[in-house]
Amino acid sequence: MTQPPPERDDTDRAAADWHAMLAGDAPVRASRAADAAPPRPQAGATPTGATPTGATPTGATPTGATPTPSAAEGQPMTRREAREAEQRQAAEAEAAAVLAAAGPPADDAPLPFFDSIVAEPAAPEPARPSRAERRAVNSDPYEPEKPKRRGAWGCLIGLLVVVALGAVAFFFLQGPINAVIERFTPAADFEGSGTGEVVFMIHDGDGGSDIATNLVDEGVTASHDAFYDLLLEQSPEPEFHPGAYRLAEKMSAQAALDALQDPATKLENTFVIPEGTATVDALPYIAEGTGLPIEELQAAAAEPPASYGLPAEATNLEGFLFPATYTLDPGLDAHAVLQTLVDRQFEALDAAGVAPEDRWRTIVLAALIQREAGLRDDFYKVSRVFQNRLDPAKWETGLLESDATVAYGTGNTHLVTTTDEERANAANLYNTYLHPGLPIGPISNPGDLAIDAALHPADGPWLFFVTWNLDTGETIFSETVEQHDAAVEKWLAWMDEHPEYG
C-alpha cells in the first residue's frame, strides 16, 4: 500500500552558500544530521555544549577516520537529497584539491579560510542503496496509482454483457427479421398436377382466401400464399362457382387454379359433408352440389325423424347424416337426398357392430368425440375421458363439462370455446357443466373413426383433456385438477396469439 512521505522542512535543507564557505563564514555540511543542528552562534562565542576550534567535536569523526552513520542513515533518500549529497561530495573534493596544492601550512600561520573546512570532516560516501530503496527514491509518492490490468474475470464479465445485449436485441428484432425473411422467401409450393383424386367443394360466399385455405386443408396445395398470391397476379380476376370439383393431391398452385377454372372438372350432383359438420351447416353444402333450393332441404329436414327411420329419442336429423362425398342421381327431391345420407349412417353403425337399440347412445357419444378430438389417436383417449366421467366410482358428479356441447346449445356450431356466462346458463339443455350425463342429443354428424372410438375407448385414468393447439389438434390429457389447470393456461396463451378462433 503506497503511503505519503514524511513531512520535511525544505528550509533546513537549503543548498550550501558557496560564497560563505569560501569566505570561511560557513562550514560545509557533512551530513543530514548537521542540517538539523541549531544555527551556529556569532564569532567568538562558544555555545554551551559546543567544542572549541581546533578540538575534536564530540560525536565527530576526525579526518581519515571511519565516519559514524548519521541519524538519517538507513532512511531512503529522495532524488533531491541524493543530488545535494553529490554536490557536497564535489565541494569537499574541490576543497581537498586546494589544500593539496597549497602544501602544509606553517605552524603559526592561521588558516582561517580552511579552518572551517577542516573543522568539519568530509561526509562519508553513502552506502549503495538497495533495489527497494532505489525504487522508493525514483518513485513519486504523489503520482496516481496506475490502473491495474483486467484479469480473466473482467474479460468474462465483458463477454457475458455482450452476449446478454445480443440476446435482448435478437428477442426484440426477431419479429421484424422474420417478416423480412418471409417477404422475400417464396411460398411453399408443389410441382406438377398431383396424384390421386380429391373432391373439393367451393361453398357459396367463399372468396379467394377461403379457397386457398381449404385447398391446403384438403391436401391439394402446399400453402395458402402459393395459391392466393397467384390469384392476385391474375387479370382479369378469376371467378369461382359453388359446387364440387375433381382435383388431386399435391398439385402446384397453378395446376389447382387451372383445374378450378376448367368446366370439365366440375362434378354434377356431387357434394361433400365433412366429418363433424352440424346439420344446419350440411344443408347448404347439399344445395350447392345438387342444385336443390336450400328452402326445400330445410323443410325436408324439419319433417318428423321417424319418417327417416331414426330412433325414437331423436328430435331431428342431427348425427344421422353420414359425412362423406356423394354423387347422386339427378331428379331426386330433398327428402330422398337426405334419406340417402341417413341410410349411409345406418350402414356405418351396422358395420361397426352397433345393434339398432344402441344406435342412439352410440351416435350421441360419437358426435361428442368427433367435435372434441383432434388427432386420430386422441379420439380413443377422449372417449375414455368421457366414459370415466360417466362412471360414478371415478367421477361423482357425472358432469362431462364439454365446451363443445355448450357452444352447440348457443347455436355456435363452429366453435368449441365458451364464456363464463354461457357455462353458467342452466337454460341451455346441452350445458354439460350443469346437466350430468350425456347431452340430450348429438351435436354433430360423426364418421367411422368417432363411432369406433365410442365403442373402443383407450385404457387410461384420464379425467381431463384440453386441445391446446387448435391448428394442429394437439391435446393434453390429465389425471388431476392441478395438471389440467396447467394445460388450460397453455391453451389460453395459445388463444391469445390466435384471436381468430374467438
Protein backbone atom coordinates (compact mmCIF):
# COMPACT_ATOMS: atom_id res chain seq x y z
CA MET A 1 0.00 0.00 0.00
CA THR A 2 1.50 3.41 -1.00
CA GLN A 3 1.90 5.96 1.85
CA PRO A 4 2.84 9.67 1.61
CA PRO A 5 6.45 10.54 2.66
CA PRO A 6 7.11 12.22 5.99
CA GLU A 7 6.83 15.95 6.08
CA ARG A 8 10.10 17.77 5.50
CA ASP A 9 11.19 21.30 6.17
CA ASP A 10 12.83 22.34 2.93
CA THR A 11 14.31 25.39 4.61
CA ASP A 12 16.53 23.10 6.75
CA ARG A 13 17.96 21.54 3.62
CA ALA A 14 18.70 24.65 1.65
CA ALA A 15 21.62 24.47 -0.78
CA ALA A 16 25.05 25.43 0.55
CA ASP A 17 26.12 29.06 0.25
CA TRP A 18 29.38 28.75 -1.65
CA HIS A 19 30.42 32.40 -1.11
CA ALA A 20 30.10 31.98 2.65
CA MET A 21 32.07 28.76 2.53
CA LEU A 22 34.92 30.31 0.56
CA ALA A 23 34.99 33.31 2.95
CA GLY A 24 35.19 30.96 5.91
CA ASP A 25 31.94 32.11 7.41
CA ALA A 26 30.03 28.86 6.95
CA PRO A 27 31.11 25.24 7.10
CA VAL A 28 30.37 22.59 4.55
CA ARG A 29 27.50 20.40 5.86
CA ALA A 30 28.79 16.94 6.36
CA SER A 31 25.57 15.12 6.81
CA ARG A 32 21.85 15.45 7.11
CA ALA A 33 22.29 15.35 10.86
CA ALA A 34 24.17 18.65 10.62
CA ASP A 35 21.23 20.15 8.74
CA ALA A 36 19.07 19.51 11.75
CA ALA A 37 21.52 21.19 14.20
CA PRO A 38 20.70 24.63 15.65
CA PRO A 39 22.20 27.74 13.96
CA ARG A 40 25.87 28.50 14.66
CA PRO A 41 26.46 31.30 17.15
CA GLN A 42 28.25 34.51 16.29
CA ALA A 43 32.04 34.56 16.03
CA GLY A 44 33.86 34.49 19.35
CA ALA A 45 31.08 32.92 21.33
CA THR A 46 31.18 29.33 22.35
CA PRO A 47 27.71 27.97 22.95
CA THR A 48 27.02 25.61 25.78
CA GLY A 49 27.85 22.09 24.74
CA ALA A 50 29.96 23.22 21.70
CA THR A 51 33.54 22.22 21.03
CA PRO A 52 36.24 24.93 20.75
CA THR A 53 38.01 25.49 17.48
CA GLY A 54 40.81 23.05 16.86
CA ALA A 55 39.39 20.38 19.13
CA THR A 56 37.74 17.29 18.06
CA PRO A 57 34.00 17.81 18.49
CA THR A 58 32.03 15.32 20.49
CA GLY A 59 30.48 12.78 18.23
CA ALA A 60 32.51 13.98 15.20
CA THR A 61 34.90 11.80 13.28
CA PRO A 62 38.40 13.11 12.62
CA THR A 63 39.67 13.31 9.09
CA GLY A 64 40.65 9.92 7.85
CA ALA A 65 38.58 8.09 10.48
CA THR A 66 35.60 5.93 9.75
CA PRO A 67 32.54 8.13 9.93
CA THR A 68 29.68 7.35 12.23
CA PRO A 69 26.42 6.90 10.39
CA SER A 70 24.15 9.89 10.61
CA ALA A 71 20.74 9.88 12.16
CA ALA A 72 19.17 9.86 8.74
CA GLU A 73 21.15 6.85 7.60
CA GLY A 74 19.02 3.87 6.82
CA GLN A 75 16.23 6.07 5.55
CA PRO A 76 15.65 6.10 1.76
CA MET A 77 16.84 9.42 0.23
CA THR A 78 14.73 11.36 -2.15
CA ARG A 79 16.08 12.39 -5.51
CA ARG A 80 16.64 15.91 -4.18
CA GLU A 81 18.59 14.65 -1.17
CA ALA A 82 20.73 12.44 -3.38
CA ARG A 83 21.50 15.42 -5.63
CA GLU A 84 22.52 17.57 -2.63
CA ALA A 85 24.76 14.80 -1.30
CA GLU A 86 26.52 14.61 -4.64
CA GLN A 87 27.01 18.40 -4.59
CA ARG A 88 28.52 18.25 -1.09
CA GLN A 89 30.87 15.48 -2.10
CA ALA A 90 32.03 17.52 -5.12
CA ALA A 91 32.66 20.59 -2.93
CA GLU A 92 34.64 18.57 -0.42
CA ALA A 93 36.72 17.06 -3.20
CA GLU A 94 37.43 20.54 -4.59
CA ALA A 95 38.49 21.80 -1.16
CA ALA A 96 40.78 18.82 -0.68
CA ALA A 97 42.40 19.55 -4.03
CA VAL A 98 43.07 23.16 -2.98
CA LEU A 99 44.71 22.04 0.28
CA ALA A 100 46.88 19.57 -1.52
CA ALA A 101 48.06 22.23 -3.99
CA ALA A 102 48.91 24.78 -1.22
CA GLY A 103 51.04 22.36 0.79
CA PRO A 104 51.25 22.11 4.54
CA PRO A 105 50.78 25.46 6.29
CA ALA A 106 53.19 26.96 8.76
CA ASP A 107 52.70 26.09 12.37
CA ASP A 108 51.85 29.64 13.32
CA ALA A 109 50.14 30.69 10.19
CA PRO A 110 46.44 30.82 10.69
CA LEU A 111 44.38 29.33 8.03
CA PRO A 112 41.05 30.89 8.57
CA PHE A 113 39.99 30.04 5.09
CA PHE A 114 40.47 26.33 5.62
CA ASP A 115 39.66 26.08 9.29
CA SER A 116 36.06 25.85 8.69
CA ILE A 117 36.66 23.23 6.06
CA VAL A 118 39.00 21.10 8.14
CA ALA A 119 36.90 21.54 11.22
CA GLU A 120 34.06 19.70 9.54
CA PRO A 121 35.15 16.29 8.36
CA ALA A 122 34.05 15.17 4.95
CA ALA A 123 30.86 13.21 4.86
CA PRO A 124 31.35 9.53 4.27
CA GLU A 125 30.34 8.11 0.96
CA PRO A 126 26.86 6.74 1.36
CA ALA A 127 26.39 3.03 1.06
CA ARG A 128 24.96 1.74 -2.17
CA PRO A 129 21.15 1.78 -1.79
CA SER A 130 19.21 -1.44 -2.21
CA ARG A 131 16.82 -2.10 -5.09
CA ALA A 132 13.82 -1.35 -2.87
CA GLU A 133 15.46 1.94 -1.78
CA ARG A 134 16.17 2.93 -5.38
CA ARG A 135 12.54 2.22 -6.29
CA ALA A 136 11.42 4.35 -3.36
CA VAL A 137 13.75 7.19 -4.42
CA ASN A 138 12.72 7.09 -8.07
CA SER A 139 9.01 6.80 -7.37
CA ASP A 140 6.81 9.79 -6.87
CA PRO A 141 4.53 9.26 -3.85
CA TYR A 142 2.09 11.80 -5.19
CA GLU A 143 1.78 10.21 -8.61
CA PRO A 144 -1.63 8.47 -9.06
CA GLU A 145 -1.51 4.70 -8.95
CA LYS A 146 -1.51 3.15 -12.38
CA PRO A 147 -4.68 1.23 -13.24
CA LYS A 148 -4.33 -2.48 -12.93
CA ARG A 149 -4.79 -4.73 -15.90
CA ARG A 150 -8.11 -6.51 -16.21
CA GLY A 151 -7.87 -10.15 -15.36
CA ALA A 152 -9.77 -13.18 -16.63
CA TRP A 153 -12.86 -12.30 -14.57
CA GLY A 154 -13.08 -8.88 -16.20
CA CYS A 155 -12.93 -10.43 -19.66
CA LEU A 156 -15.59 -12.99 -18.73
CA ILE A 157 -17.95 -10.32 -17.39
CA GLY A 158 -17.48 -8.25 -20.53
CA LEU A 159 -18.26 -11.27 -22.70
CA LEU A 160 -21.42 -12.04 -20.72
CA VAL A 161 -22.60 -8.45 -21.09
CA VAL A 162 -22.11 -8.62 -24.86
CA VAL A 163 -23.98 -11.94 -25.07
CA ALA A 164 -26.86 -10.56 -22.96
CA LEU A 165 -27.17 -7.48 -25.14
CA GLY A 166 -27.16 -9.67 -28.24
CA ALA A 167 -29.92 -11.88 -26.80
CA VAL A 168 -32.09 -8.86 -25.97
CA ALA A 169 -31.57 -7.42 -29.44
CA PHE A 170 -32.48 -10.75 -31.04
CA PHE A 171 -35.64 -11.03 -28.91
CA PHE A 172 -36.94 -7.61 -29.95
CA LEU A 173 -35.82 -7.86 -33.57
CA GLN A 174 -36.91 -11.45 -34.20
CA GLY A 175 -40.38 -10.47 -35.40
CA PRO A 176 -39.24 -7.80 -37.89
CA ILE A 177 -36.42 -10.04 -39.11
CA ASN A 178 -38.79 -12.95 -39.70
CA ALA A 179 -41.21 -10.64 -41.51
CA VAL A 180 -38.44 -9.52 -43.86
CA ILE A 181 -37.33 -13.10 -44.45
CA GLU A 182 -40.89 -14.24 -45.18
CA ARG A 183 -41.42 -11.31 -47.52
CA PHE A 184 -38.52 -12.32 -49.73
CA THR A 185 -38.92 -16.11 -49.35
CA PRO A 186 -41.11 -17.78 -51.98
CA ALA A 187 -44.20 -19.54 -50.61
CA ALA A 188 -44.05 -23.31 -50.39
CA ASP A 189 -45.49 -24.97 -53.48
CA PHE A 190 -45.79 -28.40 -55.05
CA GLU A 191 -44.83 -29.21 -58.62
CA GLY A 192 -46.97 -30.74 -61.32
CA SER A 193 -50.61 -31.78 -61.47
CA GLY A 194 -50.57 -34.07 -58.42
CA THR A 195 -51.71 -37.62 -57.85
CA GLY A 196 -54.87 -39.39 -56.69
CA GLU A 197 -58.29 -37.75 -56.51
CA VAL A 198 -59.83 -35.20 -54.16
CA VAL A 199 -63.40 -33.93 -54.40
CA PHE A 200 -63.07 -30.29 -53.48
CA MET A 201 -66.04 -28.14 -52.55
CA ILE A 202 -66.41 -24.43 -53.19
CA HIS A 203 -69.16 -23.10 -50.97
CA ASP A 204 -71.44 -20.16 -51.59
CA GLY A 205 -69.72 -16.98 -50.40
CA ASP A 206 -66.16 -18.38 -50.46
CA GLY A 207 -63.56 -15.83 -51.52
CA GLY A 208 -60.06 -16.32 -52.82
CA SER A 209 -58.52 -16.52 -49.35
CA ASP A 210 -61.14 -19.05 -48.20
CA ILE A 211 -60.49 -21.26 -51.21
CA ALA A 212 -56.72 -21.00 -50.65
CA THR A 213 -57.16 -22.13 -47.03
CA ASN A 214 -59.47 -25.01 -47.92
CA LEU A 215 -57.10 -26.26 -50.61
CA VAL A 216 -54.34 -26.57 -48.01
CA ASP A 217 -56.70 -28.29 -45.55
CA GLU A 218 -57.66 -30.87 -48.19
CA GLY A 219 -54.01 -31.56 -49.09
CA VAL A 220 -54.33 -30.13 -52.57
CA THR A 221 -51.79 -27.28 -52.37
CA ALA A 222 -48.72 -26.75 -50.20
CA SER A 223 -49.51 -23.33 -48.77
CA HIS A 224 -52.12 -20.61 -48.63
CA ASP A 225 -49.81 -17.96 -50.04
CA ALA A 226 -48.77 -20.01 -53.05
CA PHE A 227 -52.35 -20.06 -54.32
CA TYR A 228 -53.52 -16.68 -53.03
CA ASP A 229 -50.51 -14.77 -54.36
CA LEU A 230 -51.11 -16.40 -57.74
CA LEU A 231 -54.72 -15.19 -57.69
CA LEU A 232 -53.63 -11.63 -57.05
CA GLU A 233 -51.44 -11.73 -60.14
CA GLN A 234 -54.35 -12.71 -62.41
CA SER A 235 -56.03 -10.21 -64.68
CA PRO A 236 -58.93 -10.29 -65.03
CA GLU A 237 -59.76 -11.69 -61.60
CA PRO A 238 -60.89 -15.38 -61.76
CA GLU A 239 -64.49 -16.28 -60.96
CA PHE A 240 -65.38 -19.31 -58.83
CA HIS A 241 -68.72 -21.12 -58.72
CA PRO A 242 -70.07 -23.19 -55.82
CA GLY A 243 -70.03 -26.93 -56.25
CA ALA A 244 -67.78 -29.98 -56.27
CA TYR A 245 -64.58 -30.21 -58.33
CA ARG A 246 -62.36 -33.18 -59.12
CA LEU A 247 -58.82 -32.26 -58.09
CA ALA A 248 -55.75 -34.21 -56.97
CA GLU A 249 -53.39 -34.29 -54.00
CA LYS A 250 -50.18 -32.21 -54.03
CA MET A 251 -50.96 -30.03 -57.00
CA SER A 252 -49.00 -26.91 -57.79
CA ALA A 253 -50.88 -23.68 -57.20
CA GLN A 254 -51.04 -23.06 -60.92
CA ALA A 255 -52.40 -26.56 -61.64
CA ALA A 256 -55.08 -26.17 -58.94
CA LEU A 257 -56.16 -22.80 -60.30
CA ASP A 258 -56.37 -24.16 -63.84
CA ALA A 259 -58.47 -27.13 -62.66
CA LEU A 260 -60.94 -24.92 -60.77
CA GLN A 261 -61.41 -22.84 -63.91
CA ASP A 262 -61.94 -25.89 -66.11
CA PRO A 263 -65.67 -26.78 -66.53
CA ALA A 264 -64.68 -30.41 -67.14
CA THR A 265 -63.53 -30.84 -63.54
CA LYS A 266 -66.82 -29.67 -62.03
CA LEU A 267 -68.86 -32.59 -60.75
CA GLU A 268 -72.60 -32.52 -61.23
CA ASN A 269 -74.90 -33.58 -58.38
CA THR A 270 -71.86 -34.02 -56.13
CA PHE A 271 -71.20 -32.62 -52.67
CA VAL A 272 -69.05 -33.30 -49.62
CA ILE A 273 -70.12 -33.40 -45.96
CA PRO A 274 -67.01 -33.13 -43.73
CA GLU A 275 -66.84 -35.15 -40.51
CA GLY A 276 -68.20 -33.25 -37.52
CA THR A 277 -70.38 -30.94 -39.60
CA ALA A 278 -73.64 -29.95 -37.93
CA THR A 279 -76.85 -30.46 -39.90
CA VAL A 280 -77.53 -26.73 -40.12
CA ASP A 281 -74.21 -26.36 -41.96
CA ALA A 282 -74.55 -29.52 -44.06
CA LEU A 283 -77.74 -28.46 -45.81
CA PRO A 284 -76.10 -25.59 -47.78
CA TYR A 285 -73.39 -28.00 -49.00
CA ILE A 286 -76.07 -30.33 -50.30
CA ALA A 287 -77.83 -27.48 -52.05
CA GLU A 288 -74.60 -26.37 -53.75
CA GLY A 289 -73.91 -29.87 -55.08
CA THR A 290 -77.39 -30.87 -56.15
CA GLY A 291 -78.84 -27.58 -57.20
CA LEU A 292 -81.82 -28.08 -54.92
CA PRO A 293 -83.15 -24.92 -53.26
CA ILE A 294 -81.96 -24.59 -49.66
CA GLU A 295 -85.54 -23.93 -48.56
CA GLU A 296 -86.66 -27.35 -49.82
CA LEU A 297 -83.86 -29.07 -47.97
CA GLN A 298 -84.64 -27.19 -44.73
CA ALA A 299 -88.30 -28.19 -44.99
CA ALA A 300 -87.38 -31.82 -45.56
CA ALA A 301 -85.05 -31.78 -42.55
CA ALA A 302 -87.90 -30.49 -40.37
CA GLU A 303 -90.07 -33.50 -41.14
CA PRO A 304 -90.60 -36.00 -38.27
CA PRO A 305 -87.42 -38.01 -37.64
CA ALA A 306 -89.47 -41.21 -37.62
CA SER A 307 -90.12 -40.69 -41.34
CA TYR A 308 -86.41 -41.35 -41.89
CA GLY A 309 -86.35 -44.38 -39.54
CA LEU A 310 -84.43 -42.66 -36.73
CA PRO A 311 -84.55 -43.90 -33.12
CA ALA A 312 -87.45 -42.70 -31.01
CA GLU A 313 -85.20 -40.41 -28.95
CA ALA A 314 -84.25 -38.33 -32.00
CA THR A 315 -85.89 -34.92 -32.44
CA ASN A 316 -84.13 -34.04 -35.71
CA LEU A 317 -81.63 -35.42 -38.21
CA GLU A 318 -78.57 -34.35 -36.21
CA GLY A 319 -76.00 -37.11 -36.00
CA PHE A 320 -77.53 -39.27 -38.73
CA LEU A 321 -76.31 -37.52 -41.91
CA PHE A 322 -73.20 -39.56 -42.57
CA PRO A 323 -70.21 -37.38 -43.56
CA ALA A 324 -68.88 -38.41 -46.98
CA THR A 325 -68.65 -37.43 -50.64
CA TYR A 326 -71.87 -38.02 -52.51
CA THR A 327 -72.69 -38.09 -56.21
CA LEU A 328 -76.44 -38.53 -56.59
CA ASP A 329 -78.71 -39.22 -59.46
CA PRO A 330 -80.33 -36.09 -60.84
CA GLY A 331 -84.05 -35.68 -60.22
CA LEU A 332 -84.03 -36.70 -56.52
CA ASP A 333 -86.13 -34.48 -54.29
CA ALA A 334 -84.94 -33.04 -50.96
CA HIS A 335 -86.37 -35.85 -48.80
CA ALA A 336 -84.79 -38.54 -50.99
CA VAL A 337 -81.39 -36.83 -50.82
CA LEU A 338 -81.48 -36.64 -47.02
CA GLN A 339 -82.71 -40.22 -46.78
CA THR A 340 -79.63 -41.28 -48.75
CA LEU A 341 -77.39 -39.76 -46.08
CA VAL A 342 -79.36 -41.33 -43.22
CA ASP A 343 -79.19 -44.75 -44.79
CA ARG A 344 -75.43 -44.37 -45.17
CA GLN A 345 -75.15 -43.69 -41.42
CA PHE A 346 -77.12 -46.82 -40.62
CA GLU A 347 -74.70 -48.78 -42.81
CA ALA A 348 -71.75 -47.40 -40.82
CA LEU A 349 -73.36 -48.34 -37.50
CA ASP A 350 -74.16 -51.82 -38.71
CA ALA A 351 -70.59 -52.26 -39.97
CA ALA A 352 -69.28 -51.26 -36.54
CA GLY A 353 -71.48 -53.90 -34.88
CA VAL A 354 -73.90 -51.49 -33.22
CA ALA A 355 -77.29 -53.02 -32.53
CA PRO A 356 -80.32 -50.93 -33.55
CA GLU A 357 -81.29 -50.38 -29.91
CA ASP A 358 -77.82 -48.92 -29.21
CA ARG A 359 -77.73 -46.59 -32.18
CA TRP A 360 -78.89 -43.53 -30.25
CA ARG A 361 -76.40 -43.68 -27.40
CA THR A 362 -73.56 -44.57 -29.74
CA ILE A 363 -74.29 -41.64 -32.06
CA VAL A 364 -74.63 -39.16 -29.15
CA LEU A 365 -71.23 -40.16 -27.72
CA ALA A 366 -69.55 -40.43 -31.15
CA ALA A 367 -70.82 -36.97 -32.12
CA LEU A 368 -69.30 -35.52 -28.93
CA ILE A 369 -65.97 -37.27 -29.54
CA GLN A 370 -65.97 -36.04 -33.14
CA ARG A 371 -66.23 -32.41 -32.03
CA GLU A 372 -63.75 -32.61 -29.16
CA ALA A 373 -60.95 -34.78 -30.55
CA GLY A 374 -58.21 -33.55 -32.83
CA LEU A 375 -55.60 -36.07 -33.85
CA ARG A 376 -56.57 -39.61 -34.80
CA ASP A 377 -55.05 -41.29 -31.73
CA ASP A 378 -56.72 -38.78 -29.43
CA PHE A 379 -60.20 -39.95 -30.42
CA TYR A 380 -59.82 -43.05 -28.25
CA LYS A 381 -58.38 -41.13 -25.28
CA VAL A 382 -61.18 -38.55 -25.45
CA SER A 383 -63.66 -41.41 -25.46
CA ARG A 384 -62.04 -42.79 -22.30
CA VAL A 385 -62.23 -39.42 -20.51
CA PHE A 386 -65.96 -39.14 -21.11
CA GLN A 387 -66.66 -42.72 -20.14
CA ASN A 388 -64.59 -42.33 -16.95
CA ARG A 389 -66.71 -39.31 -16.07
CA LEU A 390 -69.85 -41.27 -16.68
CA ASP A 391 -68.64 -43.79 -14.07
CA PRO A 392 -69.84 -42.63 -10.58
CA ALA A 393 -66.97 -44.51 -8.95
CA LYS A 394 -64.46 -42.32 -10.78
CA TRP A 395 -66.39 -39.06 -11.15
CA GLU A 396 -69.16 -38.46 -8.66
CA THR A 397 -70.86 -35.50 -10.32
CA GLY A 398 -71.34 -37.18 -13.69
CA LEU A 399 -70.72 -33.78 -15.38
CA LEU A 400 -68.90 -34.09 -18.70
CA GLU A 401 -68.06 -30.35 -18.74
CA SER A 402 -67.70 -30.15 -22.51
CA ASP A 403 -67.42 -26.73 -24.09
CA ALA A 404 -68.46 -28.19 -27.44
CA THR A 405 -71.88 -29.12 -26.06
CA VAL A 406 -72.38 -25.67 -24.51
CA ALA A 407 -71.40 -23.97 -27.77
CA TYR A 408 -73.79 -26.16 -29.75
CA GLY A 409 -76.62 -25.20 -27.44
CA THR A 410 -75.91 -21.50 -28.10
CA GLY A 411 -76.00 -22.03 -31.87
CA ASN A 412 -72.22 -21.63 -32.32
CA THR A 413 -71.63 -24.82 -34.28
CA HIS A 414 -68.19 -23.68 -35.50
CA LEU A 415 -66.70 -23.05 -32.04
CA VAL A 416 -65.63 -25.16 -29.09
CA THR A 417 -64.96 -22.21 -26.77
CA THR A 418 -67.45 -20.67 -24.34
CA THR A 419 -67.76 -17.85 -21.84
CA ASP A 420 -68.38 -17.98 -18.09
CA GLU A 421 -71.93 -16.73 -18.63
CA GLU A 422 -72.65 -19.43 -21.21
CA ARG A 423 -71.32 -22.16 -18.94
CA ALA A 424 -73.50 -20.84 -16.09
CA ASN A 425 -76.69 -20.87 -18.19
CA ALA A 426 -78.86 -23.75 -16.98
CA ALA A 427 -81.49 -22.98 -19.63
CA ASN A 428 -79.11 -24.44 -22.22
CA LEU A 429 -80.07 -28.12 -22.12
CA TYR A 430 -76.80 -29.00 -23.86
CA ASN A 431 -74.82 -27.43 -20.99
CA THR A 432 -72.89 -30.40 -19.62
CA TYR A 433 -71.32 -28.16 -16.96
CA LEU A 434 -74.69 -28.15 -15.20
CA HIS A 435 -76.58 -31.16 -16.59
CA PRO A 436 -74.97 -34.53 -15.80
CA GLY A 437 -74.64 -37.44 -18.20
CA LEU A 438 -74.52 -37.39 -21.99
CA PRO A 439 -76.02 -34.37 -23.75
CA ILE A 440 -79.66 -34.58 -24.73
CA GLY A 441 -78.76 -35.27 -28.36
CA PRO A 442 -75.94 -35.42 -30.92
CA ILE A 443 -74.02 -32.19 -31.56
CA SER A 444 -72.56 -33.16 -34.96
CA ASN A 445 -72.59 -35.82 -37.64
CA PRO A 446 -69.82 -38.32 -36.72
CA GLY A 447 -67.82 -40.54 -39.06
CA ASP A 448 -66.39 -44.02 -38.85
CA LEU A 449 -63.43 -43.09 -36.62
CA ALA A 450 -65.55 -41.43 -33.95
CA ILE A 451 -68.01 -44.32 -33.95
CA ASP A 452 -65.16 -46.80 -33.46
CA ALA A 453 -63.67 -44.68 -30.64
CA ALA A 454 -67.05 -44.59 -28.87
CA LEU A 455 -67.13 -48.36 -28.95
CA HIS A 456 -63.46 -48.99 -28.11
CA PRO A 457 -62.04 -46.34 -25.76
CA ALA A 458 -58.35 -46.41 -24.82
CA ASP A 459 -57.31 -47.66 -21.40
CA GLY A 460 -56.31 -44.86 -19.02
CA PRO A 461 -57.16 -42.95 -15.83
CA TRP A 462 -57.65 -39.58 -17.50
CA LEU A 463 -60.42 -37.29 -16.31
CA PHE A 464 -59.44 -34.09 -18.11
CA PHE A 465 -58.17 -33.01 -21.51
CA VAL A 466 -57.70 -29.79 -23.41
CA THR A 467 -56.83 -29.29 -27.05
CA TRP A 468 -54.29 -26.52 -26.57
CA ASN A 469 -53.38 -26.04 -30.27
CA LEU A 470 -56.45 -25.78 -32.46
CA ASP A 471 -54.36 -25.64 -35.63
CA THR A 472 -52.63 -28.97 -35.07
CA GLY A 473 -55.17 -30.60 -32.75
CA GLU A 474 -52.54 -31.33 -30.09
CA THR A 475 -54.24 -32.32 -26.83
CA ILE A 476 -53.04 -32.68 -23.23
CA PHE A 477 -54.66 -35.39 -21.08
CA SER A 478 -54.55 -35.11 -17.28
CA GLU A 479 -55.47 -37.08 -14.18
CA THR A 480 -55.62 -34.25 -11.63
CA VAL A 481 -57.07 -30.77 -11.45
CA GLU A 482 -53.59 -29.27 -10.99
CA GLN A 483 -52.32 -30.91 -14.17
CA HIS A 484 -55.38 -29.77 -16.06
CA ASP A 485 -55.10 -26.18 -14.84
CA ALA A 486 -51.53 -26.01 -16.18
CA ALA A 487 -52.73 -27.35 -19.53
CA VAL A 488 -55.54 -24.78 -19.65
CA GLU A 489 -53.01 -21.98 -19.10
CA LYS A 490 -51.07 -23.24 -22.09
CA TRP A 491 -54.24 -23.27 -24.19
CA LEU A 492 -55.21 -19.75 -23.09
CA ALA A 493 -51.75 -18.48 -24.05
CA TRP A 494 -52.19 -20.03 -27.49
CA MET A 495 -55.63 -18.47 -27.86
CA ASP A 496 -54.19 -15.04 -27.04
CA GLU A 497 -51.87 -15.45 -30.01
CA HIS A 498 -54.71 -16.63 -32.28
CA PRO A 499 -57.68 -14.30 -31.78
CA GLU A 500 -59.27 -15.59 -34.99
CA TYR A 501 -60.54 -18.57 -33.01
CA GLY A 502 -62.66 -16.27 -30.88
